[in-house]
Amino acid sequence: MRNLKKVPKVIQKSKCVNHRIDYKWNEKIMSRLLDPSEGNDGLDYTLNKIGHKAAIGLTASLLEWIYWRFKEYTTMSDDIHQRIETLWYSIEDPKNSKSLIFDPELDIPISGFINGPIWVALMNVRMIDVLYKKGSCMLQSELVGLVLLVRHITPKKKKFDKWLENILSKLDNQFPNQNVQIEFSEDAVYDSSAEPVVCREFFFQSGFTYSNEAAKLALNDFILHIDYETNSFCNNKKKFVNG
């Protein structure tokens, strides 16, 4: 498992790693994060301005915040790790990855200060993955709950806020929604196949200078280090084209 070996500096500075569990958690908070439709119109609007591949990159990055926050607290860290890898792999081609099925019988424990946030995170990621593969133009709206969850569990929230503000600004500028005139409905289809790829370095390395070629090379390197024998969500390695 060579991917995600090093904690991103911004996550370190946010005090997520090995920090005590000191946030509030109850059914009301959990319900709000699962259905954050009220009071978050601005965030929803901003997220819907970015393309789908960029949205999947943001999803993988947000899930990495979850991964480092709970890595020392739960045995589910390997499962979260695999889902992060799969999200990056699916940016090249959604067909590369299998469905991120999570708790179909709704029988995984969801109570508690650790199981609860992880359940919410993976359920959100599951829905985002489904909508991405369907080409649904509603994908970005599912990201709202994941953003709010990461902020809620992050000890130094200002660090997260600054990171998110910077990332959203760059995504809006460099990876805009390609179908801005599309009717927002469950039946509308968004084709992201021609969108430029994005890589983990874009989100976590301040010195990374984006170009389509640099992003493809970085993404390819990440994909090459996926263990396809242990990651049950990734199909067998396909040839990655840099051109």
C-alpha atoms as a PDB file:
ATOM      1  CA  MET A   1       0.000   0.000   0.000  1.00  0.00           C
ATOM      2  CA  ARG A   2       2.443   2.648  -1.222  1.00  0.00           C
ATOM      3  CA  ASN A   3      -0.205   5.262  -1.919  1.00  0.00           C
ATOM      4  CA  LEU A   4      -1.088   7.687   0.905  1.00  0.00           C
ATOM      5  CA  LYS A   5       2.154   6.974   2.729  1.00  0.00           C
ATOM      6  CA  LYS A   6       2.758  10.609   3.616  1.00  0.00           C
ATOM      7  CA  VAL A   7       0.293  12.857   5.425  1.00  0.00           C
ATOM      8  CA  PRO A   8      -0.353  16.063   3.439  1.00  0.00           C
ATOM      9  CA  LYS A   9       1.017  19.126   5.221  1.00  0.00           C
ATOM     10  CA  VAL A  10      -2.350  20.861   5.400  1.00  0.00           C
ATOM     11  CA  ILE A  11      -3.889  17.850   7.143  1.00  0.00           C
ATOM     12  CA  GLN A  12      -0.981  17.753   9.572  1.00  0.00           C
ATOM     13  CA  LYS A  13      -1.386  21.450  10.336  1.00  0.00           C
ATOM     14  CA  SER A  14      -5.095  20.973  10.923  1.00  0.00           C
ATOM     15  CA  LYS A  15      -4.170  18.597  13.794  1.00  0.00           C
ATOM     16  CA  CYS A  16      -6.259  15.774  12.321  1.00  0.00           C
ATOM     17  CA  VAL A  17      -3.637  13.084  12.844  1.00  0.00           C
ATOM     18  CA  ASN A  18      -3.775  11.344  16.242  1.00  0.00           C
ATOM     19  CA  HIS A  19      -5.902  14.121  17.699  1.00  0.00           C
ATOM     20  CA  ARG A  20      -8.395  13.205  20.391  1.00  0.00           C
ATOM     21  CA  ILE A  21     -12.044  12.804  19.393  1.00  0.00           C
ATOM     22  CA  ASP A  22     -13.425  16.059  20.732  1.00  0.00           C
ATOM     23  CA  TYR A  23     -16.252  17.060  18.385  1.00  0.00           C
ATOM     24  CA  LYS A  24     -19.958  16.761  19.116  1.00  0.00           C
ATOM     25  CA  TRP A  25     -21.885  13.844  17.607  1.00  0.00           C
ATOM     26  CA  ASN A  26     -25.543  12.923  17.895  1.00  0.00           C
ATOM     27  CA  GLU A  27     -28.493  11.920  15.708  1.00  0.00           C
ATOM     28  CA  LYS A  28     -29.352  15.533  14.904  1.00  0.00           C
ATOM     29  CA  ILE A  29     -25.852  16.279  13.619  1.00  0.00           C
ATOM     30  CA  MET A  30     -25.795  13.028  11.657  1.00  0.00           C
ATOM     31  CA  SER A  31     -29.161  13.743  10.023  1.00  0.00           C
ATOM     32  CA  ARG A  32     -28.048  17.244   9.052  1.00  0.00           C
ATOM     33  CA  LEU A  33     -24.915  15.899   7.377  1.00  0.00           C
ATOM     34  CA  LEU A  34     -26.863  13.226   5.494  1.00  0.00           C
ATOM     35  CA  ASP A  35     -29.382  15.791   4.244  1.00  0.00           C
ATOM     36  CA  PRO A  36     -27.652  19.188   4.186  1.00  0.00           C
ATOM     37  CA  SER A  37     -30.073  20.770   1.715  1.00  0.00           C
ATOM     38  CA  GLU A  38     -31.069  23.648   3.987  1.00  0.00           C
ATOM     39  CA  GLY A  39     -28.796  26.596   4.654  1.00  0.00           C
ATOM     40  CA  ASN A  40     -25.993  25.563   2.311  1.00  0.00           C
ATOM     41  CA  ASP A  41     -27.117  27.083  -0.978  1.00  0.00           C
ATOM     42  CA  GLY A  42     -23.856  28.985  -1.451  1.00  0.00           C
ATOM     43  CA  LEU A  43     -21.690  25.905  -1.113  1.00  0.00           C
ATOM     44  CA  ASP A  44     -24.024  23.905  -3.342  1.00  0.00           C
ATOM     45  CA  TYR A  45     -23.869  26.622  -6.014  1.00  0.00           C
ATOM     46  CA  THR A  46     -20.072  26.742  -5.883  1.00  0.00           C
ATOM     47  CA  LEU A  47     -19.681  22.973  -6.121  1.00  0.00           C
ATOM     48  CA  ASN A  48     -22.031  22.826  -9.106  1.00  0.00           C
ATOM     49  CA  LYS A  49     -19.729  25.163 -11.025  1.00  0.00           C
ATOM     50  CA  ILE A  50     -16.973  22.531 -11.296  1.00  0.00           C
ATOM     51  CA  GLY A  51     -16.713  19.574 -13.659  1.00  0.00           C
ATOM     52  CA  HIS A  52     -17.270  15.958 -12.745  1.00  0.00           C
ATOM     53  CA  LYS A  53     -13.687  14.706 -12.833  1.00  0.00           C
ATOM     54  CA  ALA A  54     -12.680  17.623 -10.626  1.00  0.00           C
ATOM     55  CA  ALA A  55     -15.576  16.787  -8.302  1.00  0.00           C
ATOM     56  CA  ILE A  56     -14.356  13.190  -8.026  1.00  0.00           C
ATOM     57  CA  GLY A  57     -10.852  14.449  -7.254  1.00  0.00           C
ATOM     58  CA  LEU A  58     -12.309  16.658  -4.536  1.00  0.00           C
ATOM     59  CA  THR A  59     -14.276  13.681  -3.193  1.00  0.00           C
ATOM     60  CA  ALA A  60     -11.110  11.577  -2.984  1.00  0.00           C
ATOM     61  CA  SER A  61      -9.270  14.421  -1.260  1.00  0.00           C
ATOM     62  CA  LEU A  62     -12.032  14.990   1.285  1.00  0.00           C
ATOM     63  CA  LEU A  63     -12.134  11.269   1.997  1.00  0.00           C
ATOM     64  CA  GLU A  64      -8.395  11.427   2.640  1.00  0.00           C
ATOM     65  CA  TRP A  65      -9.059  13.946   5.417  1.00  0.00           C
ATOM     66  CA  ILE A  66     -11.384  11.294   6.903  1.00  0.00           C
ATOM     67  CA  TYR A  67      -8.728   8.619   6.432  1.00  0.00           C
ATOM     68  CA  TRP A  68      -6.034  10.451   8.391  1.00  0.00           C
ATOM     69  CA  ARG A  69      -8.450  11.639  11.082  1.00  0.00           C
ATOM     70  CA  PHE A  70      -9.471   8.083  11.981  1.00  0.00           C
ATOM     71  CA  LYS A  71      -6.479   6.022  10.834  1.00  0.00           C
ATOM     72  CA  GLU A  72      -5.323   5.246  14.371  1.00  0.00           C
ATOM     73  CA  TYR A  73      -8.835   4.704  15.708  1.00  0.00           C
ATOM     74  CA  THR A  74     -10.394   2.080  13.459  1.00  0.00           C
ATOM     75  CA  THR A  75      -9.694  -1.054  11.450  1.00  0.00           C
ATOM     76  CA  MET A  76     -11.737   0.446   8.600  1.00  0.00           C
ATOM     77  CA  SER A  77      -8.790   2.582   7.512  1.00  0.00           C
ATOM     78  CA  ASP A  78      -7.756   0.006   4.884  1.00  0.00           C
ATOM     79  CA  ASP A  79     -11.268   0.071   3.414  1.00  0.00           C
ATOM     80  CA  ILE A  80     -11.241   3.866   3.294  1.00  0.00           C
ATOM     81  CA  HIS A  81      -7.785   3.731   1.677  1.00  0.00           C
ATOM     82  CA  GLN A  82      -9.084   1.432  -1.060  1.00  0.00           C
ATOM     83  CA  ARG A  83     -12.001   3.748  -1.804  1.00  0.00           C
ATOM     84  CA  ILE A  84      -9.666   6.726  -2.139  1.00  0.00           C
ATOM     85  CA  GLU A  85      -7.521   4.793  -4.616  1.00  0.00           C
ATOM     86  CA  THR A  86     -10.619   3.734  -6.535  1.00  0.00           C
ATOM     87  CA  LEU A  87     -11.913   7.283  -6.855  1.00  0.00           C
ATOM     88  CA  TRP A  88      -8.610   8.405  -8.355  1.00  0.00           C
ATOM     89  CA  TYR A  89      -8.583   5.391 -10.654  1.00  0.00           C
ATOM     90  CA  SER A  90     -12.099   6.184 -11.866  1.00  0.00           C
ATOM     91  CA  ILE A  91     -11.031   9.665 -13.006  1.00  0.00           C
ATOM     92  CA  GLU A  92      -9.162   8.076 -15.896  1.00  0.00           C
ATOM     93  CA  ASP A  93     -12.274   6.074 -16.795  1.00  0.00           C
ATOM     94  CA  PRO A  94     -15.334   5.282 -14.602  1.00  0.00           C
ATOM     95  CA  LYS A  95     -15.352   1.790 -16.100  1.00  0.00           C
ATOM     96  CA  ASN A  96     -12.025   1.083 -14.404  1.00  0.00           C
ATOM     97  CA  SER A  97     -13.702   0.758 -11.018  1.00  0.00           C
ATOM     98  CA  LYS A  98     -16.401  -1.351  -9.498  1.00  0.00           C
ATOM     99  CA  SER A  99     -19.280   0.142  -7.584  1.00  0.00           C
ATOM    100  CA  LEU A 100     -18.340   1.449  -4.133  1.00  0.00           C
ATOM    101  CA  ILE A 101     -21.063  -0.582  -2.453  1.00  0.00           C
ATOM    102  CA  PHE A 102     -21.426   0.285   1.201  1.00  0.00           C
ATOM    103  CA  ASP A 103     -23.710  -1.224   3.794  1.00  0.00           C
ATOM    104  CA  PRO A 104     -26.538  -2.311   1.414  1.00  0.00           C
ATOM    105  CA  GLU A 105     -28.438  -3.923   4.288  1.00  0.00           C
ATOM    106  CA  LEU A 106     -27.945  -0.886   6.527  1.00  0.00           C
ATOM    107  CA  ASP A 107     -26.612  -3.113   9.280  1.00  0.00           C
ATOM    108  CA  ILE A 108     -23.160  -1.598   9.895  1.00  0.00           C
ATOM    109  CA  PRO A 109     -23.029   0.185  13.276  1.00  0.00           C
ATOM    110  CA  ILE A 110     -23.592   3.899  12.771  1.00  0.00           C
ATOM    111  CA  SER A 111     -23.652   5.045  16.360  1.00  0.00           C
ATOM    112  CA  GLY A 112     -20.650   6.491  18.128  1.00  0.00           C
ATOM    113  CA  PHE A 113     -18.128   9.239  17.517  1.00  0.00           C
ATOM    114  CA  ILE A 114     -16.082   7.186  15.042  1.00  0.00           C
ATOM    115  CA  ASN A 115     -18.471   4.756  13.350  1.00  0.00           C
ATOM    116  CA  GLY A 116     -21.042   7.495  12.820  1.00  0.00           C
ATOM    117  CA  PRO A 117     -18.856   9.942  10.854  1.00  0.00           C
ATOM    118  CA  ILE A 118     -17.265   7.131   8.839  1.00  0.00           C
ATOM    119  CA  TRP A 119     -20.701   5.751   7.936  1.00  0.00           C
ATOM    120  CA  VAL A 120     -21.856   9.200   6.791  1.00  0.00           C
ATOM    121  CA  ALA A 121     -18.661   9.722   4.777  1.00  0.00           C
ATOM    122  CA  LEU A 122     -18.800   6.376   2.987  1.00  0.00           C
ATOM    123  CA  MET A 123     -22.512   6.674   2.309  1.00  0.00           C
ATOM    124  CA  ASN A 124     -21.920  10.097   0.720  1.00  0.00           C
ATOM    125  CA  VAL A 125     -19.031   8.728  -1.319  1.00  0.00           C
ATOM    126  CA  ARG A 126     -21.168   5.792  -2.421  1.00  0.00           C
ATOM    127  CA  MET A 127     -23.846   8.172  -3.745  1.00  0.00           C
ATOM    128  CA  ILE A 128     -21.281  10.397  -5.489  1.00  0.00           C
ATOM    129  CA  ASP A 129     -19.764   7.349  -7.194  1.00  0.00           C
ATOM    130  CA  VAL A 130     -23.186   6.161  -8.381  1.00  0.00           C
ATOM    131  CA  LEU A 131     -24.046   9.575  -9.812  1.00  0.00           C
ATOM    132  CA  TYR A 132     -20.637   9.902 -11.485  1.00  0.00           C
ATOM    133  CA  LYS A 133     -21.027   6.595 -13.264  1.00  0.00           C
ATOM    134  CA  LYS A 134     -24.573   7.527 -14.328  1.00  0.00           C
ATOM    135  CA  GLY A 135     -23.411  10.898 -15.644  1.00  0.00           C
ATOM    136  CA  SER A 136     -25.904  12.624 -13.393  1.00  0.00           C
ATOM    137  CA  CYS A 137     -25.705  16.407 -13.260  1.00  0.00           C
ATOM    138  CA  MET A 138     -26.738  16.193  -9.591  1.00  0.00           C
ATOM    139  CA  LEU A 139     -23.363  14.761  -8.541  1.00  0.00           C
ATOM    140  CA  GLN A 140     -21.834  17.901  -7.073  1.00  0.00           C
ATOM    141  CA  SER A 141     -24.732  18.525  -4.704  1.00  0.00           C
ATOM    142  CA  GLU A 142     -23.911  15.259  -2.914  1.00  0.00           C
ATOM    143  CA  LEU A 143     -20.524  16.729  -2.051  1.00  0.00           C
ATOM    144  CA  VAL A 144     -22.025  19.284   0.341  1.00  0.00           C
ATOM    145  CA  GLY A 145     -22.513  16.775   3.154  1.00  0.00           C
ATOM    146  CA  LEU A 146     -18.975  15.433   2.780  1.00  0.00           C
ATOM    147  CA  VAL A 147     -17.496  18.940   2.962  1.00  0.00           C
ATOM    148  CA  LEU A 148     -19.492  19.745   6.088  1.00  0.00           C
ATOM    149  CA  LEU A 149     -18.551  16.428   7.700  1.00  0.00           C
ATOM    150  CA  VAL A 150     -14.818  16.948   7.192  1.00  0.00           C
ATOM    151  CA  ARG A 151     -15.057  20.442   8.606  1.00  0.00           C
ATOM    152  CA  HIS A 152     -17.015  19.172  11.606  1.00  0.00           C
ATOM    153  CA  ILE A 153     -14.432  16.578  12.624  1.00  0.00           C
ATOM    154  CA  THR A 154     -11.346  18.721  11.869  1.00  0.00           C
ATOM    155  CA  PRO A 155      -9.731  20.176  15.031  1.00  0.00           C
ATOM    156  CA  LYS A 156      -8.362  23.338  13.422  1.00  0.00           C
ATOM    157  CA  LYS A 157     -11.246  24.319  11.194  1.00  0.00           C
ATOM    158  CA  LYS A 158      -9.636  27.511   9.890  1.00  0.00           C
ATOM    159  CA  LYS A 159      -6.918  25.409   8.262  1.00  0.00           C
ATOM    160  CA  PHE A 160      -9.555  23.354   6.489  1.00  0.00           C
ATOM    161  CA  ASP A 161     -11.557  26.452   5.517  1.00  0.00           C
ATOM    162  CA  LYS A 162      -8.512  28.097   3.950  1.00  0.00           C
ATOM    163  CA  TRP A 163      -7.608  24.916   2.064  1.00  0.00           C
ATOM    164  CA  LEU A 164     -11.164  24.449   0.797  1.00  0.00           C
ATOM    165  CA  GLU A 165     -11.547  28.074  -0.277  1.00  0.00           C
ATOM    166  CA  ASN A 166      -8.297  27.906  -2.237  1.00  0.00           C
ATOM    167  CA  ILE A 167      -9.147  24.556  -3.843  1.00  0.00           C
ATOM    168  CA  LEU A 168     -12.659  25.576  -4.864  1.00  0.00           C
ATOM    169  CA  SER A 169     -11.348  28.770  -6.409  1.00  0.00           C
ATOM    170  CA  LYS A 170      -8.787  26.844  -8.461  1.00  0.00           C
ATOM    171  CA  LEU A 171     -11.304  24.189  -9.479  1.00  0.00           C
ATOM    172  CA  ASP A 172     -13.817  26.806 -10.596  1.00  0.00           C
ATOM    173  CA  ASN A 173     -11.141  28.516 -12.678  1.00  0.00           C
ATOM    174  CA  GLN A 174      -9.415  25.473 -14.164  1.00  0.00           C
ATOM    175  CA  PHE A 175     -12.105  22.766 -14.250  1.00  0.00           C
ATOM    176  CA  PRO A 176     -15.451  24.468 -14.916  1.00  0.00           C
ATOM    177  CA  ASN A 177     -18.664  22.557 -15.418  1.00  0.00           C
ATOM    178  CA  GLN A 178     -18.754  21.812 -19.146  1.00  0.00           C
ATOM    179  CA  ASN A 179     -22.537  21.714 -19.409  1.00  0.00           C
ATOM    180  CA  VAL A 180     -23.530  24.907 -17.612  1.00  0.00           C
ATOM    181  CA  GLN A 181     -26.753  25.149 -19.588  1.00  0.00           C
ATOM    182  CA  ILE A 182     -27.867  21.617 -18.839  1.00  0.00           C
ATOM    183  CA  GLU A 183     -31.220  21.180 -17.144  1.00  0.00           C
ATOM    184  CA  PHE A 184     -30.697  20.004 -13.590  1.00  0.00           C
ATOM    185  CA  SER A 185     -32.813  16.875 -13.396  1.00  0.00           C
ATOM    186  CA  GLU A 186     -32.328  13.240 -12.528  1.00  0.00           C
ATOM    187  CA  ASP A 187     -32.701  12.278 -16.193  1.00  0.00           C
ATOM    188  CA  ALA A 188     -30.152  14.689 -17.660  1.00  0.00           C
ATOM    189  CA  VAL A 189     -26.799  13.134 -18.625  1.00  0.00           C
ATOM    190  CA  TYR A 190     -23.437  14.837 -18.167  1.00  0.00           C
ATOM    191  CA  ASP A 191     -20.586  13.602 -20.374  1.00  0.00           C
ATOM    192  CA  SER A 192     -17.283  14.075 -18.547  1.00  0.00           C
ATOM    193  CA  SER A 193     -15.175  11.946 -20.897  1.00  0.00           C
ATOM    194  CA  ALA A 194     -13.461  14.946 -22.515  1.00  0.00           C
ATOM    195  CA  GLU A 195     -12.724  16.757 -19.252  1.00  0.00           C
ATOM    196  CA  PRO A 196      -9.073  17.159 -18.226  1.00  0.00           C
ATOM    197  CA  VAL A 197      -7.873  14.920 -15.422  1.00  0.00           C
ATOM    198  CA  VAL A 198      -6.840  16.118 -11.995  1.00  0.00           C
ATOM    199  CA  CYS A 199      -4.423  14.474  -9.571  1.00  0.00           C
ATOM    200  CA  ARG A 200      -3.836  14.228  -5.827  1.00  0.00           C
ATOM    201  CA  GLU A 201      -0.898  16.649  -6.023  1.00  0.00           C
ATOM    202  CA  PHE A 202      -3.239  19.397  -7.219  1.00  0.00           C
ATOM    203  CA  PHE A 203      -5.061  19.238  -3.888  1.00  0.00           C
ATOM    204  CA  PHE A 204      -2.204  18.624  -1.480  1.00  0.00           C
ATOM    205  CA  GLN A 205       1.067  19.961  -2.932  1.00  0.00           C
ATOM    206  CA  SER A 206       1.309  23.753  -2.858  1.00  0.00           C
ATOM    207  CA  GLY A 207       4.237  23.699  -5.279  1.00  0.00           C
ATOM    208  CA  PHE A 208       2.440  21.632  -7.916  1.00  0.00           C
ATOM    209  CA  THR A 209       2.047  23.526 -11.198  1.00  0.00           C
ATOM    210  CA  TYR A 210      -0.907  22.145 -13.101  1.00  0.00           C
ATOM    211  CA  SER A 211      -0.762  21.118 -16.714  1.00  0.00           C
ATOM    212  CA  ASN A 212      -2.711  18.366 -18.392  1.00  0.00           C
ATOM    213  CA  GLU A 213       0.491  16.414 -19.008  1.00  0.00           C
ATOM    214  CA  ALA A 214       1.758  16.835 -15.432  1.00  0.00           C
ATOM    215  CA  ALA A 215      -1.600  15.759 -14.022  1.00  0.00           C
ATOM    216  CA  LYS A 216      -1.723  12.677 -16.219  1.00  0.00           C
ATOM    217  CA  LEU A 217       1.782  11.664 -15.210  1.00  0.00           C
ATOM    218  CA  ALA A 218       1.028  12.127 -11.506  1.00  0.00           C
ATOM    219  CA  LEU A 219      -2.276  10.277 -11.775  1.00  0.00           C
ATOM    220  CA  ASN A 220      -0.607   7.472 -13.712  1.00  0.00           C
ATOM    221  CA  ASP A 221       2.037   7.108 -10.994  1.00  0.00           C
ATOM    222  CA  PHE A 222      -0.695   6.868  -8.349  1.00  0.00           C
ATOM    223  CA  ILE A 223      -2.591   4.262 -10.382  1.00  0.00           C
ATOM    224  CA  LEU A 224       0.544   2.184 -10.929  1.00  0.00           C
ATOM    225  CA  HIS A 225       0.916   1.803  -7.164  1.00  0.00           C
ATOM    226  CA  ILE A 226      -2.548   0.397  -6.558  1.00  0.00           C
ATOM    227  CA  ASP A 227      -2.464  -3.183  -5.322  1.00  0.00           C
ATOM    228  CA  TYR A 228      -5.111  -4.801  -7.504  1.00  0.00           C
ATOM    229  CA  GLU A 229      -5.037  -8.004  -5.500  1.00  0.00           C
ATOM    230  CA  THR A 230      -6.094  -6.322  -2.271  1.00  0.00           C
ATOM    231  CA  ASN A 231      -8.250  -3.526  -3.673  1.00  0.00           C
ATOM    232  CA  SER A 232     -11.538  -5.231  -4.491  1.00  0.00           C
ATOM    233  CA  PHE A 233     -13.043  -2.106  -6.062  1.00  0.00           C
ATOM    234  CA  CYS A 234     -10.519  -1.788  -8.889  1.00  0.00           C
ATOM    235  CA  ASN A 235     -10.660  -3.820 -12.063  1.00  0.00           C
ATOM    236  CA  ASN A 236      -7.464  -5.369 -13.390  1.00  0.00           C
ATOM    237  CA  LYS A 237      -4.895  -2.803 -14.430  1.00  0.00           C
ATOM    238  CA  LYS A 238      -5.593  -1.285 -17.818  1.00  0.00           C
ATOM    239  CA  LYS A 239      -3.098   0.511 -20.005  1.00  0.00           C
ATOM    240  CA  PHE A 240      -2.950   4.150 -19.014  1.00  0.00           C
ATOM    241  CA  VAL A 241      -2.474   6.545 -21.917  1.00  0.00           C
ATOM    242  CA  ASN A 242      -0.419   9.670 -21.216  1.00  0.00           C
ATOM    243  CA  GLY A 243      -1.100  11.352 -24.508  1.00  0.00           C
END
